[in-house]
Each structure stands twice: as C-alpha cells, then as structure tokens.
N, C-alpha and C. Protein backbone atom coordinates (compact mmCIF):
# COMPACT_ATOMS: atom_id res chain seq x y z
N MET A 1 -4.36 -14.99 1.57
CA MET A 1 -4.86 -13.75 1.05
C MET A 1 -4.14 -13.43 -0.26
N THR A 2 -4.56 -12.38 -0.84
CA THR A 2 -4.04 -12.03 -2.16
C THR A 2 -3.57 -10.58 -2.19
N VAL A 3 -2.95 -10.25 -3.27
CA VAL A 3 -2.59 -8.87 -3.56
C VAL A 3 -3.57 -8.37 -4.62
N TYR A 4 -4.11 -7.20 -4.40
CA TYR A 4 -5.09 -6.64 -5.32
C TYR A 4 -4.44 -5.58 -6.21
N PHE A 5 -5.03 -5.42 -7.40
CA PHE A 5 -4.54 -4.49 -8.40
C PHE A 5 -5.69 -3.55 -8.78
N PRO A 6 -5.56 -2.25 -8.55
CA PRO A 6 -6.67 -1.33 -8.80
C PRO A 6 -7.23 -1.39 -10.21
N GLU A 7 -6.40 -1.65 -11.19
CA GLU A 7 -6.89 -1.66 -12.56
C GLU A 7 -7.85 -2.81 -12.84
N GLN A 8 -7.84 -3.84 -12.01
CA GLN A 8 -8.76 -4.96 -12.22
C GLN A 8 -9.61 -5.28 -11.00
N ASP A 9 -9.26 -4.77 -9.83
CA ASP A 9 -9.94 -5.16 -8.59
C ASP A 9 -10.53 -3.98 -7.82
N GLN A 10 -10.81 -2.86 -8.46
CA GLN A 10 -11.24 -1.65 -7.74
C GLN A 10 -12.42 -1.92 -6.81
N GLY A 11 -13.46 -2.56 -7.30
CA GLY A 11 -14.63 -2.84 -6.47
C GLY A 11 -14.32 -3.81 -5.34
N VAL A 12 -13.52 -4.81 -5.62
CA VAL A 12 -13.14 -5.79 -4.61
C VAL A 12 -12.31 -5.13 -3.51
N ILE A 13 -11.41 -4.25 -3.90
CA ILE A 13 -10.58 -3.56 -2.92
C ILE A 13 -11.46 -2.77 -1.95
N ALA A 14 -12.43 -2.06 -2.46
CA ALA A 14 -13.33 -1.28 -1.61
C ALA A 14 -14.07 -2.20 -0.64
N GLN A 15 -14.52 -3.37 -1.12
CA GLN A 15 -15.22 -4.33 -0.25
C GLN A 15 -14.30 -4.89 0.82
N VAL A 16 -13.08 -5.23 0.44
CA VAL A 16 -12.11 -5.78 1.39
C VAL A 16 -11.77 -4.74 2.46
N LEU A 17 -11.56 -3.51 2.06
CA LEU A 17 -11.25 -2.45 3.02
C LEU A 17 -12.42 -2.24 3.98
N ALA A 18 -13.64 -2.26 3.47
CA ALA A 18 -14.82 -2.08 4.32
C ALA A 18 -14.99 -3.25 5.29
N ALA A 19 -14.58 -4.45 4.87
CA ALA A 19 -14.72 -5.64 5.71
C ALA A 19 -13.62 -5.77 6.77
N ARG A 20 -12.57 -4.97 6.66
CA ARG A 20 -11.43 -5.05 7.58
C ARG A 20 -11.16 -3.69 8.24
N PRO A 21 -12.13 -3.14 8.96
CA PRO A 21 -11.94 -1.80 9.52
C PRO A 21 -10.81 -1.71 10.55
N GLN A 22 -10.40 -2.82 11.12
CA GLN A 22 -9.29 -2.81 12.08
C GLN A 22 -7.95 -3.11 11.41
N GLY A 23 -7.99 -3.39 10.12
CA GLY A 23 -6.77 -3.75 9.40
C GLY A 23 -6.02 -2.54 8.86
N ARG A 24 -5.04 -2.85 8.03
CA ARG A 24 -4.21 -1.82 7.42
C ARG A 24 -4.23 -1.97 5.91
N LEU A 25 -4.11 -0.86 5.23
CA LEU A 25 -3.84 -0.84 3.81
C LEU A 25 -2.33 -0.91 3.68
N VAL A 26 -1.85 -1.90 2.94
CA VAL A 26 -0.42 -2.03 2.67
C VAL A 26 -0.27 -1.91 1.16
N ALA A 27 0.15 -0.74 0.71
CA ALA A 27 0.22 -0.47 -0.72
C ALA A 27 1.67 -0.36 -1.17
N CYS A 28 2.01 -1.11 -2.21
CA CYS A 28 3.33 -1.01 -2.82
C CYS A 28 3.17 -0.16 -4.08
N LEU A 29 3.86 0.96 -4.10
CA LEU A 29 3.84 1.87 -5.24
C LEU A 29 5.05 1.54 -6.09
N CYS A 30 4.78 1.10 -7.32
CA CYS A 30 5.85 0.56 -8.15
C CYS A 30 5.70 1.05 -9.59
N ALA A 31 6.54 0.52 -10.46
CA ALA A 31 6.47 0.82 -11.89
C ALA A 31 6.73 -0.46 -12.66
N ALA A 32 6.00 -0.65 -13.74
CA ALA A 32 6.12 -1.88 -14.54
C ALA A 32 7.54 -2.08 -15.07
N TRP A 33 8.24 -0.99 -15.37
CA TRP A 33 9.58 -1.09 -15.93
C TRP A 33 10.64 -1.41 -14.89
N CYS A 34 10.31 -1.35 -13.62
CA CYS A 34 11.28 -1.52 -12.54
C CYS A 34 11.56 -3.00 -12.26
N GLY A 35 12.76 -3.44 -12.55
CA GLY A 35 13.13 -4.82 -12.30
C GLY A 35 13.09 -5.20 -10.83
N THR A 36 13.47 -4.28 -9.96
CA THR A 36 13.42 -4.54 -8.52
C THR A 36 11.99 -4.80 -8.08
N CYS A 37 11.05 -4.00 -8.60
CA CYS A 37 9.64 -4.19 -8.25
C CYS A 37 9.14 -5.55 -8.73
N GLY A 38 9.53 -5.94 -9.92
CA GLY A 38 9.11 -7.24 -10.43
C GLY A 38 9.55 -8.38 -9.53
N THR A 39 10.76 -8.30 -9.02
CA THR A 39 11.28 -9.31 -8.11
C THR A 39 10.56 -9.23 -6.77
N TYR A 40 10.30 -8.03 -6.29
CA TYR A 40 9.68 -7.79 -4.99
C TYR A 40 8.22 -8.27 -4.97
N ARG A 41 7.56 -8.24 -6.10
CA ARG A 41 6.13 -8.57 -6.18
C ARG A 41 5.82 -9.97 -5.67
N GLU A 42 6.64 -10.94 -6.00
CA GLU A 42 6.42 -12.32 -5.54
C GLU A 42 6.49 -12.40 -4.02
N ALA A 43 7.47 -11.77 -3.44
CA ALA A 43 7.62 -11.77 -1.98
C ALA A 43 6.48 -11.00 -1.31
N PHE A 44 6.05 -9.91 -1.93
CA PHE A 44 4.94 -9.11 -1.41
C PHE A 44 3.66 -9.94 -1.38
N THR A 45 3.45 -10.73 -2.41
CA THR A 45 2.28 -11.62 -2.48
C THR A 45 2.34 -12.67 -1.39
N ALA A 46 3.50 -13.25 -1.17
CA ALA A 46 3.66 -14.25 -0.10
C ALA A 46 3.42 -13.62 1.27
N LEU A 47 3.86 -12.40 1.46
CA LEU A 47 3.67 -11.71 2.73
C LEU A 47 2.18 -11.44 2.98
N ALA A 48 1.43 -11.14 1.95
CA ALA A 48 -0.01 -10.90 2.10
C ALA A 48 -0.70 -12.10 2.74
N ALA A 49 -0.25 -13.29 2.44
CA ALA A 49 -0.85 -14.50 3.02
C ALA A 49 -0.59 -14.59 4.52
N ARG A 50 0.48 -13.98 5.00
CA ARG A 50 0.82 -14.05 6.43
C ARG A 50 0.13 -12.95 7.25
N PHE A 51 -0.52 -12.00 6.58
CA PHE A 51 -1.21 -10.91 7.27
C PHE A 51 -2.63 -10.79 6.70
N PRO A 52 -3.48 -11.79 6.97
CA PRO A 52 -4.81 -11.82 6.36
C PRO A 52 -5.75 -10.70 6.81
N GLY A 53 -5.45 -10.02 7.88
CA GLY A 53 -6.30 -8.93 8.35
C GLY A 53 -6.03 -7.61 7.64
N ASP A 54 -5.00 -7.59 6.82
CA ASP A 54 -4.62 -6.38 6.10
C ASP A 54 -4.98 -6.51 4.62
N CYS A 55 -5.03 -5.39 3.93
CA CYS A 55 -5.35 -5.38 2.50
C CYS A 55 -4.11 -4.94 1.73
N PHE A 56 -3.52 -5.84 0.97
CA PHE A 56 -2.31 -5.59 0.19
C PHE A 56 -2.69 -5.19 -1.23
N VAL A 57 -2.15 -4.06 -1.67
CA VAL A 57 -2.48 -3.53 -2.99
C VAL A 57 -1.19 -3.17 -3.73
N TRP A 58 -1.14 -3.56 -4.99
CA TRP A 58 0.01 -3.28 -5.86
C TRP A 58 -0.41 -2.19 -6.83
N ILE A 59 0.23 -1.03 -6.75
CA ILE A 59 -0.18 0.13 -7.54
C ILE A 59 0.95 0.56 -8.47
N ASP A 60 0.70 0.49 -9.77
CA ASP A 60 1.66 0.99 -10.74
C ASP A 60 1.48 2.50 -10.83
N VAL A 61 2.52 3.24 -10.46
CA VAL A 61 2.41 4.70 -10.38
C VAL A 61 2.20 5.36 -11.74
N GLU A 62 2.59 4.71 -12.80
CA GLU A 62 2.37 5.29 -14.12
C GLU A 62 0.96 4.99 -14.63
N THR A 63 0.49 3.78 -14.40
CA THR A 63 -0.87 3.42 -14.80
C THR A 63 -1.89 4.28 -14.07
N HIS A 64 -1.62 4.60 -12.83
CA HIS A 64 -2.57 5.32 -11.98
C HIS A 64 -2.12 6.74 -11.66
N ALA A 65 -1.38 7.35 -12.56
CA ALA A 65 -0.88 8.71 -12.34
C ALA A 65 -2.01 9.71 -12.11
N ASP A 66 -3.14 9.55 -12.80
CA ASP A 66 -4.25 10.48 -12.62
C ASP A 66 -4.82 10.42 -11.21
N GLN A 67 -4.91 9.23 -10.64
CA GLN A 67 -5.46 9.06 -9.29
C GLN A 67 -4.46 9.47 -8.21
N LEU A 68 -3.19 9.34 -8.49
CA LEU A 68 -2.17 9.62 -7.48
C LEU A 68 -1.72 11.08 -7.47
N GLY A 69 -2.10 11.83 -8.47
CA GLY A 69 -1.74 13.24 -8.51
C GLY A 69 -0.28 13.46 -8.83
N ASP A 70 0.25 14.52 -8.32
CA ASP A 70 1.63 14.93 -8.61
C ASP A 70 2.60 14.19 -7.69
N LEU A 71 2.61 12.90 -7.79
CA LEU A 71 3.45 12.05 -6.95
C LEU A 71 4.81 11.86 -7.61
N ASP A 72 5.85 12.09 -6.84
CA ASP A 72 7.20 11.96 -7.37
C ASP A 72 7.94 10.92 -6.54
N ILE A 73 8.08 9.73 -7.08
CA ILE A 73 8.77 8.66 -6.38
C ILE A 73 10.15 8.50 -7.00
N ASP A 74 11.17 8.59 -6.18
CA ASP A 74 12.54 8.49 -6.66
C ASP A 74 13.09 7.08 -6.60
N ASN A 75 12.62 6.29 -5.64
CA ASN A 75 13.17 4.95 -5.44
C ASN A 75 12.06 3.93 -5.22
N PHE A 76 12.32 2.73 -5.63
CA PHE A 76 11.36 1.63 -5.48
C PHE A 76 12.01 0.50 -4.69
N PRO A 77 11.24 -0.28 -3.97
CA PRO A 77 9.81 -0.13 -3.75
C PRO A 77 9.50 0.95 -2.71
N THR A 78 8.43 1.70 -2.96
CA THR A 78 7.92 2.68 -2.01
C THR A 78 6.64 2.09 -1.43
N LEU A 79 6.55 2.10 -0.11
CA LEU A 79 5.43 1.48 0.58
C LEU A 79 4.63 2.49 1.37
N LEU A 80 3.32 2.26 1.41
CA LEU A 80 2.41 3.04 2.24
C LEU A 80 1.68 2.05 3.13
N VAL A 81 1.76 2.25 4.44
CA VAL A 81 1.02 1.44 5.40
C VAL A 81 0.15 2.41 6.18
N GLN A 82 -1.16 2.19 6.11
CA GLN A 82 -2.10 3.11 6.73
C GLN A 82 -3.26 2.33 7.32
N PRO A 83 -3.74 2.72 8.51
CA PRO A 83 -4.93 2.06 9.06
C PRO A 83 -6.11 2.22 8.11
N VAL A 84 -6.87 1.16 7.92
CA VAL A 84 -8.04 1.22 7.05
C VAL A 84 -9.04 2.24 7.59
N ALA A 85 -9.09 2.40 8.89
CA ALA A 85 -10.00 3.37 9.50
C ALA A 85 -9.62 4.80 9.17
N GLY A 86 -8.47 5.01 8.57
CA GLY A 86 -8.03 6.33 8.19
C GLY A 86 -7.04 6.90 9.19
N GLY A 87 -6.72 8.13 9.01
CA GLY A 87 -5.75 8.78 9.88
C GLY A 87 -4.36 8.76 9.27
N ALA A 88 -3.41 9.15 10.08
CA ALA A 88 -2.03 9.26 9.62
C ALA A 88 -1.47 7.90 9.21
N PRO A 89 -0.67 7.88 8.15
CA PRO A 89 -0.01 6.63 7.77
C PRO A 89 0.93 6.16 8.87
N GLN A 90 1.06 4.85 8.99
CA GLN A 90 2.03 4.27 9.92
C GLN A 90 3.42 4.30 9.28
N PHE A 91 3.43 4.28 7.95
CA PHE A 91 4.70 4.35 7.23
C PHE A 91 4.42 4.80 5.80
N TYR A 92 5.30 5.63 5.29
CA TYR A 92 5.31 5.96 3.87
C TYR A 92 6.74 6.29 3.49
N GLY A 93 7.28 5.48 2.60
CA GLY A 93 8.64 5.73 2.15
C GLY A 93 9.21 4.54 1.41
N THR A 94 10.45 4.69 1.03
CA THR A 94 11.16 3.64 0.32
C THR A 94 11.72 2.65 1.33
N LEU A 95 11.61 1.37 1.01
CA LEU A 95 12.21 0.32 1.83
C LEU A 95 13.22 -0.44 1.00
N LEU A 96 14.20 -0.96 1.65
CA LEU A 96 15.10 -1.86 0.94
C LEU A 96 14.28 -2.98 0.33
N PRO A 97 14.65 -3.48 -0.82
CA PRO A 97 13.84 -4.51 -1.46
C PRO A 97 14.03 -5.90 -0.83
N HIS A 98 13.96 -5.93 0.48
CA HIS A 98 14.02 -7.18 1.24
C HIS A 98 12.73 -7.28 2.02
N ILE A 99 11.89 -8.24 1.69
CA ILE A 99 10.55 -8.31 2.26
C ILE A 99 10.56 -8.44 3.77
N GLU A 100 11.64 -8.96 4.34
CA GLU A 100 11.69 -9.13 5.79
C GLU A 100 11.64 -7.79 6.53
N VAL A 101 12.05 -6.71 5.90
CA VAL A 101 11.97 -5.38 6.52
C VAL A 101 10.50 -5.01 6.70
N LEU A 102 9.71 -5.16 5.65
CA LEU A 102 8.28 -4.87 5.75
C LEU A 102 7.60 -5.85 6.69
N GLU A 103 7.98 -7.10 6.64
CA GLU A 103 7.37 -8.10 7.52
C GLU A 103 7.58 -7.75 9.00
N ARG A 104 8.78 -7.36 9.37
CA ARG A 104 9.05 -6.97 10.76
C ARG A 104 8.24 -5.75 11.16
N MET A 105 8.15 -4.79 10.26
CA MET A 105 7.39 -3.59 10.54
C MET A 105 5.91 -3.92 10.79
N LEU A 106 5.34 -4.76 9.95
CA LEU A 106 3.94 -5.14 10.11
C LEU A 106 3.72 -5.97 11.37
N ALA A 107 4.62 -6.89 11.65
CA ALA A 107 4.49 -7.74 12.83
C ALA A 107 4.54 -6.93 14.12
N ARG A 108 5.38 -5.93 14.15
CA ARG A 108 5.52 -5.09 15.35
C ARG A 108 4.42 -4.06 15.46
N GLY A 109 3.80 -3.73 14.35
CA GLY A 109 2.73 -2.75 14.37
C GLY A 109 3.21 -1.35 14.71
N ALA A 110 4.49 -1.15 14.63
CA ALA A 110 5.06 0.14 14.98
C ALA A 110 4.84 1.14 13.86
N ALA A 111 4.62 2.37 14.25
CA ALA A 111 4.45 3.44 13.27
C ALA A 111 5.76 4.21 13.13
N MET A 112 6.04 4.59 11.90
CA MET A 112 7.20 5.42 11.62
C MET A 112 6.69 6.53 10.70
N ALA A 113 6.60 7.72 11.21
CA ALA A 113 6.01 8.83 10.47
C ALA A 113 6.77 9.10 9.17
N PRO A 114 6.04 9.54 8.15
CA PRO A 114 6.71 9.93 6.90
C PRO A 114 7.68 11.08 7.16
N ALA A 115 8.65 11.20 6.30
CA ALA A 115 9.62 12.29 6.41
C ALA A 115 8.91 13.63 6.35
N ALA A 116 9.43 14.59 7.05
CA ALA A 116 8.84 15.93 7.06
C ALA A 116 8.74 16.45 5.63
N GLY A 117 7.59 16.95 5.30
CA GLY A 117 7.38 17.51 3.98
C GLY A 117 7.05 16.48 2.91
N ALA A 118 7.01 15.19 3.27
CA ALA A 118 6.69 14.16 2.28
C ALA A 118 5.23 14.28 1.88
N ALA A 119 4.97 14.28 0.60
CA ALA A 119 3.61 14.33 0.09
C ALA A 119 3.06 12.91 0.04
N VAL A 120 2.27 12.56 1.03
CA VAL A 120 1.71 11.21 1.12
C VAL A 120 0.48 11.13 0.22
N PRO A 121 0.46 10.20 -0.72
CA PRO A 121 -0.70 10.09 -1.60
C PRO A 121 -1.92 9.61 -0.83
N ASN A 122 -3.08 10.11 -1.19
CA ASN A 122 -4.32 9.73 -0.52
C ASN A 122 -4.90 8.48 -1.17
N VAL A 123 -4.18 7.39 -1.04
CA VAL A 123 -4.55 6.12 -1.67
C VAL A 123 -5.83 5.55 -1.08
N LEU A 124 -5.99 5.64 0.22
CA LEU A 124 -7.17 5.07 0.88
C LEU A 124 -8.45 5.72 0.37
N GLU A 125 -8.46 7.02 0.24
CA GLU A 125 -9.65 7.72 -0.26
C GLU A 125 -9.93 7.35 -1.72
N TRP A 126 -8.89 7.16 -2.49
CA TRP A 126 -9.06 6.77 -3.90
C TRP A 126 -9.62 5.35 -4.02
N LEU A 127 -9.09 4.41 -3.25
CA LEU A 127 -9.49 3.01 -3.37
C LEU A 127 -10.85 2.72 -2.76
N ALA A 128 -11.22 3.42 -1.71
CA ALA A 128 -12.49 3.18 -1.04
C ALA A 128 -13.05 4.52 -0.57
N PRO A 129 -13.57 5.33 -1.49
CA PRO A 129 -13.94 6.71 -1.16
C PRO A 129 -15.00 6.85 -0.07
N HIS A 130 -15.79 5.82 0.18
CA HIS A 130 -16.85 5.94 1.18
C HIS A 130 -16.70 4.93 2.31
N ALA A 131 -15.54 4.31 2.43
CA ALA A 131 -15.34 3.25 3.42
C ALA A 131 -15.47 3.76 4.84
N ASN A 132 -15.11 5.02 5.10
CA ASN A 132 -15.10 5.53 6.47
C ASN A 132 -16.22 6.53 6.73
N ASP A 133 -17.20 6.61 5.84
CA ASP A 133 -18.33 7.51 6.08
C ASP A 133 -19.26 6.90 7.11
N ASP A 134 -19.66 7.72 8.06
CA ASP A 134 -20.61 7.26 9.08
C ASP A 134 -21.90 8.04 8.98
C-alpha cells in the first residue's frame, strides 16, 4: 500500500476510504520544515504496506491550514487514527518518532481517547465528505 498526499491524491483518498469501510484513517499531521517528520515519513510509508486495510495519509499542516482550521500542533509527529466509518478517533496526539509505537497501536486495535479538551481536526470529513452518507 501507499501513503497518500491530499495535495495530489484528494480524489484517490476519497475512493480508498469508500472502498475500506471497515478500515482506519491513519493520518500523520506534519510540517515540511520538520526534520523529525522527514525522517518519520519513510517509516510511515513502510508501515502502510503492513496494514493494507487502512488508509495512510500524510498531511502538511501548513499546506492544508485552510482545511484543518484553527489547529495548533506543538509537537511532531502528531497522529490521528480514526475508523473510516466515522465516530470517535481511536487516537489523536503526539507520538514518539519511533514507528514501532504506532505499529503496536495499530496491531492491537486499541483505542486511546484524545486528551480532554483536545481539538481533534475533522480530517475524515475533509478527505471524503460523502463517504459515510447513506
């Protein structure tokens, strides 16, 4: 599998999300200037191949500031894991830049609620606005 980029794959992302209703959106919120993110991207891409039922998306928070709203990220990488079917995120927050942390989380399928008061971006609605309409 691959990692998708909204600036070039918007239509493909919507199709992939619609085709994987039982999967998860795994979005890495990053910044082009962040050296840690640049290093993490290669491992994130390799991880996408090990979880073909999920949709991995790389989102530059500055490039997509209009779509993400008033999002304030203090640390990178910040990850959002959410069921494609919608509902509460399974995870939203900063992870250590060691891909094995995310890999274990995805393999276990365990949910860890966002911190109280955390403003979770509505990435799923932005990437596939009609994916869950019945």
